[in-house]
């Protein structure tokens, strides 16, 4: 469950929050962003309260606002998977080498 959350849910939520924060602190008007991204200015205005954006619309907004994708949670999840797999491999190896003598 943690891995599923780390790989799929957390990065999208973090990116969306970064877009919202960039939009709040940006001096670019909704109309200008609409011209750049082809997203309705009213929908951009609703970004502060509504989360009904498609992945493509989020990507265009992220590019227009220069929001970088946060991959730290993905890297941590990969590291955790490798540690768990390494530990399981070590236990299996020790069992087969020293377990049945």
Protein backbone atom coordinates (compact mmCIF):
# COMPACT_ATOMS: atom_id res chain seq x y z
CA UNK A 1 0.00 0.00 0.00
CA UNK A 2 2.84 2.37 0.88
CA UNK A 3 4.58 1.66 -2.41
CA UNK A 4 1.38 2.28 -4.38
CA UNK A 5 0.89 5.58 -2.57
CA UNK A 6 4.55 6.58 -3.00
CA UNK A 7 4.67 5.83 -6.72
CA UNK A 8 1.26 6.94 -7.92
CA UNK A 9 -0.59 9.15 -5.47
CA UNK A 10 2.03 11.25 -3.66
CA UNK A 11 3.92 12.58 -6.72
CA UNK A 12 0.69 13.74 -8.39
CA UNK A 13 -0.55 15.39 -5.21
CA UNK A 14 2.81 17.09 -4.62
CA UNK A 15 2.95 18.35 -8.21
CA UNK A 16 -0.61 19.65 -8.01
CA UNK A 17 0.16 21.48 -4.75
CA UNK A 18 3.29 22.96 -6.33
CA UNK A 19 1.20 24.19 -9.27
CA UNK A 20 -1.34 25.75 -6.90
CA UNK A 21 1.41 27.49 -4.92
CA UNK A 22 3.08 28.74 -8.10
CA UNK A 23 -0.25 30.05 -9.34
CA UNK A 24 -0.87 31.91 -6.08
CA UNK A 25 2.54 33.56 -6.13
CA UNK A 26 2.64 34.19 -9.88
CA UNK A 27 2.02 37.58 -11.42
CA UNK A 28 0.72 35.99 -14.63
CA UNK A 29 -2.97 36.67 -15.16
CA UNK A 30 -5.52 33.93 -15.71
CA UNK A 31 -6.13 35.24 -19.21
CA UNK A 32 -2.42 35.06 -20.08
CA UNK A 33 -2.18 31.53 -18.69
CA UNK A 34 -5.26 30.66 -20.71
CA UNK A 35 -3.55 31.86 -23.88
CA UNK A 36 -0.44 29.82 -23.10
CA UNK A 37 -2.18 26.61 -22.03
CA UNK A 38 -5.53 26.69 -23.87
CA UNK A 39 -7.34 26.15 -20.55
CA UNK A 40 -10.41 28.20 -19.72
CA UNK A 41 -9.49 31.19 -17.46
CA UNK A 42 -12.44 30.40 -15.19
CA UNK A 43 -11.12 26.89 -14.68
CA UNK A 44 -7.70 28.28 -13.80
CA UNK A 45 -9.39 30.61 -11.33
CA UNK A 46 -11.11 27.60 -9.73
CA UNK A 47 -7.72 25.99 -9.13
CA UNK A 48 -7.67 27.39 -5.63
CA UNK A 49 -10.78 25.45 -4.64
CA UNK A 50 -11.38 22.75 -7.29
CA UNK A 51 -9.13 19.85 -8.29
CA UNK A 52 -10.85 18.67 -11.49
CA UNK A 53 -7.95 19.07 -13.90
CA UNK A 54 -6.84 16.41 -16.34
CA UNK A 55 -3.24 15.25 -16.36
CA UNK A 56 -2.63 17.04 -19.66
CA UNK A 57 -3.97 20.32 -18.26
CA UNK A 58 -1.76 19.95 -15.18
CA UNK A 59 1.24 19.32 -17.39
CA UNK A 60 0.57 22.46 -19.46
CA UNK A 61 0.08 24.55 -16.32
CA UNK A 62 3.29 23.18 -14.82
CA UNK A 63 5.21 24.11 -17.96
CA UNK A 64 3.69 27.59 -18.10
CA UNK A 65 4.41 28.26 -14.40
CA UNK A 66 7.82 26.52 -14.53
CA UNK A 67 6.97 24.01 -11.78
CA UNK A 68 9.49 21.20 -11.44
CA UNK A 69 8.33 17.66 -10.80
CA UNK A 70 9.15 16.35 -7.33
CA UNK A 71 10.61 12.88 -7.55
CA UNK A 72 11.88 12.54 -3.98
CA UNK A 73 8.99 10.33 -2.88
CA UNK A 74 9.50 8.07 -5.89
CA UNK A 75 13.21 7.80 -5.12
CA UNK A 76 12.46 6.96 -1.49
CA UNK A 77 9.96 4.27 -2.54
CA UNK A 78 12.47 2.74 -4.95
CA UNK A 79 15.10 2.73 -2.21
CA UNK A 80 12.67 1.04 0.19
CA UNK A 81 11.78 -1.64 -2.38
CA UNK A 82 15.45 -2.37 -3.04
CA UNK A 83 16.18 -2.64 0.69
CA UNK A 84 13.27 -5.04 1.23
CA UNK A 85 14.22 -7.15 -1.79
CA UNK A 86 17.85 -7.22 -0.64
CA UNK A 87 16.82 -8.33 2.83
CA UNK A 88 14.58 -11.10 1.45
CA UNK A 89 17.35 -12.26 -0.87
CA UNK A 90 19.81 -12.31 2.03
CA UNK A 91 17.44 -14.36 4.20
CA UNK A 92 16.83 -16.86 1.39
CA UNK A 93 20.55 -17.12 0.67
CA UNK A 94 21.43 -17.71 4.33
CA UNK A 95 18.65 -20.28 4.64
CA UNK A 96 19.81 -22.28 1.65
CA UNK A 97 23.51 -22.07 2.59
CA UNK A 98 23.28 -22.75 6.31
CA UNK A 99 19.70 -23.83 7.05
CA UNK A 100 19.60 -27.44 5.95
CA UNK A 101 22.90 -29.02 6.89
